[in-house]
Amino acid sequence: MAFLIAATFAFIECRVFFEKGTDMRNLFKMWHFMLGLTILFMAIIRLYLRFKQVSPKISPPLSAIQSLAAKGAHVVLYIFMIAMPIAGWVMLSMFGKPIPFFGFELPALMNVNKELGKSIKEIHELIGGLGYYLIGFHAVAALFHHYIQKDNTLTRMLPQKKG
């Protein structure tokens, strides 16, 4: 997920190196759209698995306030990973643009409404900008747990060895 999110941000940021309307700029935007939708589908799968499987315990256990903060941060991250791609899908729909997905074209979620589409685009861009801080906070928190608190927050994310 980290790679997908980083790539999605990279593609939309790097599009500015190419003139509007060029094939290369459109390619970067298309990859942004497709990876964003991939994040949506992967986040839904992750959320399903999160409820179906038991996560390994953090050792040593977190304080009550840290546990609450971690749960809150994860809720915000999941909202981000689900709401942002949906907003992008709705935005493209409202502009009457195709919604590309690895050789397929997904159906529009809304009818064309360019004025509302502009508002959704502004919100999408604002939240995308805030996403940098959210991701940065998450990374710093993970490193804090690993190097300062010396708990197993990072290592418990790795596949468990059998045996």
Protein backbone atom coordinates (compact mmCIF):
# COMPACT_ATOMS: atom_id res chain seq x y z
CA MET A 1 0.00 0.00 0.00
CA ALA A 2 2.84 2.37 0.81
CA PHE A 3 4.30 1.86 -2.67
CA LEU A 4 0.90 2.37 -4.36
CA ILE A 5 0.22 5.56 -2.41
CA ALA A 6 3.71 6.93 -3.10
CA ALA A 7 3.41 6.11 -6.81
CA THR A 8 -0.05 7.67 -7.01
CA PHE A 9 1.26 10.89 -5.50
CA ALA A 10 4.37 10.79 -7.71
CA PHE A 11 2.40 10.43 -10.93
CA ILE A 12 0.13 13.39 -10.21
CA GLU A 13 3.01 15.57 -9.04
CA CYS A 14 5.25 14.70 -12.01
CA ARG A 15 2.59 15.46 -14.60
CA VAL A 16 3.48 19.16 -14.28
CA PHE A 17 6.79 18.50 -16.05
CA PHE A 18 4.83 18.06 -19.28
CA GLU A 19 2.68 20.57 -21.14
CA LYS A 20 -1.08 20.37 -20.80
CA GLY A 21 -2.69 18.20 -23.42
CA THR A 22 0.46 16.22 -24.24
CA ASP A 23 0.38 12.45 -24.39
CA MET A 24 2.99 12.16 -21.62
CA ARG A 25 1.04 14.40 -19.22
CA ASN A 26 -2.13 12.44 -19.96
CA LEU A 27 -0.25 9.19 -19.36
CA PHE A 28 0.88 10.40 -15.93
CA LYS A 29 -2.70 11.40 -15.06
CA MET A 30 -4.03 8.05 -16.29
CA TRP A 31 -1.55 6.20 -14.05
CA HIS A 32 -2.61 8.42 -11.14
CA PHE A 33 -6.25 7.45 -11.76
CA MET A 34 -5.54 3.73 -12.16
CA LEU A 35 -3.29 3.48 -9.10
CA GLY A 36 -5.78 5.49 -7.05
CA LEU A 37 -8.52 3.02 -7.95
CA THR A 38 -6.15 0.15 -7.14
CA ILE A 39 -5.70 1.70 -3.68
CA LEU A 40 -9.48 1.80 -3.29
CA PHE A 41 -9.87 -1.89 -4.13
CA MET A 42 -6.87 -2.92 -2.01
CA ALA A 43 -8.09 -0.84 0.95
CA ILE A 44 -11.48 -2.57 0.81
CA ILE A 45 -9.76 -5.97 0.77
CA ARG A 46 -7.47 -4.91 3.65
CA LEU A 47 -10.44 -3.68 5.66
CA TYR A 48 -12.27 -6.97 5.10
CA LEU A 49 -9.20 -8.95 6.17
CA ARG A 50 -8.68 -6.70 9.18
CA PHE A 51 -12.10 -7.73 10.48
CA LYS A 52 -11.70 -11.40 9.55
CA GLN A 53 -8.20 -11.98 10.92
CA VAL A 54 -6.66 -11.37 14.30
CA SER A 55 -3.72 -8.96 14.23
CA PRO A 56 -0.64 -9.93 16.22
CA LYS A 57 -0.43 -8.16 19.58
CA ILE A 58 1.96 -5.28 20.05
CA SER A 59 4.65 -6.18 22.51
CA PRO A 60 5.19 -4.54 24.88
CA PRO A 61 1.56 -3.35 24.94
CA LEU A 62 0.75 0.27 24.19
CA SER A 63 -0.59 2.65 26.78
CA ALA A 64 -4.34 3.29 26.61
CA ILE A 65 -3.81 6.72 25.01
CA GLN A 66 -1.38 5.33 22.41
CA SER A 67 -3.78 2.52 21.59
CA LEU A 68 -6.62 5.00 21.12
CA ALA A 69 -4.39 7.26 18.98
CA ALA A 70 -3.30 4.30 16.84
CA LYS A 71 -6.90 3.22 16.25
CA GLY A 72 -7.88 6.78 15.37
CA ALA A 73 -4.95 7.15 12.97
CA HIS A 74 -5.86 3.89 11.24
CA VAL A 75 -9.48 4.99 10.86
CA VAL A 76 -8.29 8.24 9.26
CA LEU A 77 -5.90 6.35 6.96
CA TYR A 78 -8.65 3.99 5.80
CA ILE A 79 -11.02 6.90 5.20
CA PHE A 80 -8.26 8.56 3.16
CA MET A 81 -7.53 5.39 1.14
CA ILE A 82 -11.21 4.89 0.34
CA ALA A 83 -12.61 8.43 0.06
CA MET A 84 -9.85 9.90 -2.13
CA PRO A 85 -10.19 7.38 -4.99
CA ILE A 86 -13.98 7.59 -4.83
CA ALA A 87 -13.76 11.40 -4.99
CA GLY A 88 -11.46 11.08 -8.00
CA TRP A 89 -13.85 8.64 -9.68
CA VAL A 90 -16.81 10.95 -9.01
CA MET A 91 -14.82 13.95 -10.23
CA LEU A 92 -13.91 12.27 -13.53
CA SER A 93 -17.53 11.20 -13.92
CA MET A 94 -18.76 14.75 -13.39
CA PHE A 95 -16.33 16.09 -15.99
CA GLY A 96 -17.59 13.46 -18.44
CA LYS A 97 -14.13 11.91 -18.70
CA PRO A 98 -13.37 8.20 -19.04
CA ILE A 99 -12.38 6.29 -15.90
CA PRO A 100 -9.47 4.09 -17.05
CA PHE A 101 -8.56 0.95 -15.17
CA PHE A 102 -5.85 -1.20 -16.77
CA GLY A 103 -7.45 -1.60 -20.18
CA PHE A 104 -11.01 -1.28 -18.94
CA GLU A 105 -13.20 1.76 -18.62
CA LEU A 106 -15.19 1.87 -15.39
CA PRO A 107 -18.71 3.28 -15.42
CA ALA A 108 -19.37 6.84 -14.35
CA LEU A 109 -20.67 7.18 -10.80
CA MET A 110 -22.45 10.48 -11.44
CA ASN A 111 -23.94 12.44 -14.29
CA VAL A 112 -21.94 15.26 -15.86
CA ASN A 113 -21.99 18.36 -13.65
CA LYS A 114 -18.85 20.39 -14.27
CA GLU A 115 -19.55 22.99 -11.56
CA LEU A 116 -19.93 20.38 -8.83
CA GLY A 117 -16.99 18.52 -10.37
CA LYS A 118 -14.81 21.61 -9.86
CA SER A 119 -15.80 21.74 -6.18
CA ILE A 120 -15.01 18.06 -5.71
CA LYS A 121 -11.68 18.59 -7.50
CA GLU A 122 -10.77 21.37 -5.03
CA ILE A 123 -11.66 19.14 -2.07
CA HIS A 124 -9.76 16.20 -3.61
CA GLU A 125 -6.66 18.37 -4.07
CA LEU A 126 -6.92 19.86 -0.56
CA ILE A 127 -7.25 16.44 1.08
CA GLY A 128 -4.47 15.12 -1.16
CA GLY A 129 -2.20 17.88 0.17
CA LEU A 130 -3.16 16.99 3.73
CA GLY A 131 -2.41 13.37 2.85
CA TYR A 132 1.30 14.17 2.78
CA TYR A 133 1.10 15.12 6.46
CA LEU A 134 -1.03 12.09 7.31
CA ILE A 135 1.43 9.73 5.64
CA GLY A 136 4.40 11.53 7.18
CA PHE A 137 2.82 11.31 10.63
CA HIS A 138 2.17 7.60 10.13
CA ALA A 139 5.77 6.95 9.05
CA VAL A 140 7.22 8.96 11.96
CA ALA A 141 4.95 7.11 14.41
CA ALA A 142 6.06 3.73 13.03
CA LEU A 143 9.73 4.71 13.31
CA PHE A 144 9.14 6.06 16.82
CA HIS A 145 7.67 2.72 17.87
CA HIS A 146 10.51 0.79 16.29
CA TYR A 147 13.51 2.85 17.37
CA ILE A 148 12.38 4.71 20.52
CA GLN A 149 9.78 2.47 22.14
CA LYS A 150 11.42 -0.65 20.72
CA ASP A 151 8.15 -2.51 20.36
CA ASN A 152 7.15 -4.87 17.55
CA THR A 153 4.83 -2.48 15.70
CA LEU A 154 6.81 -2.73 12.47
CA THR A 155 7.90 -6.36 12.68
CA ARG A 156 4.38 -7.63 13.35
CA MET A 157 3.38 -6.40 9.91
CA LEU A 158 5.68 -8.93 8.28
CA PRO A 159 4.41 -12.40 7.35
CA GLN A 160 4.49 -14.72 10.34
CA LYS A 161 6.89 -17.65 10.16
CA LYS A 162 5.28 -21.05 10.44
CA GLY A 163 6.67 -23.64 12.75
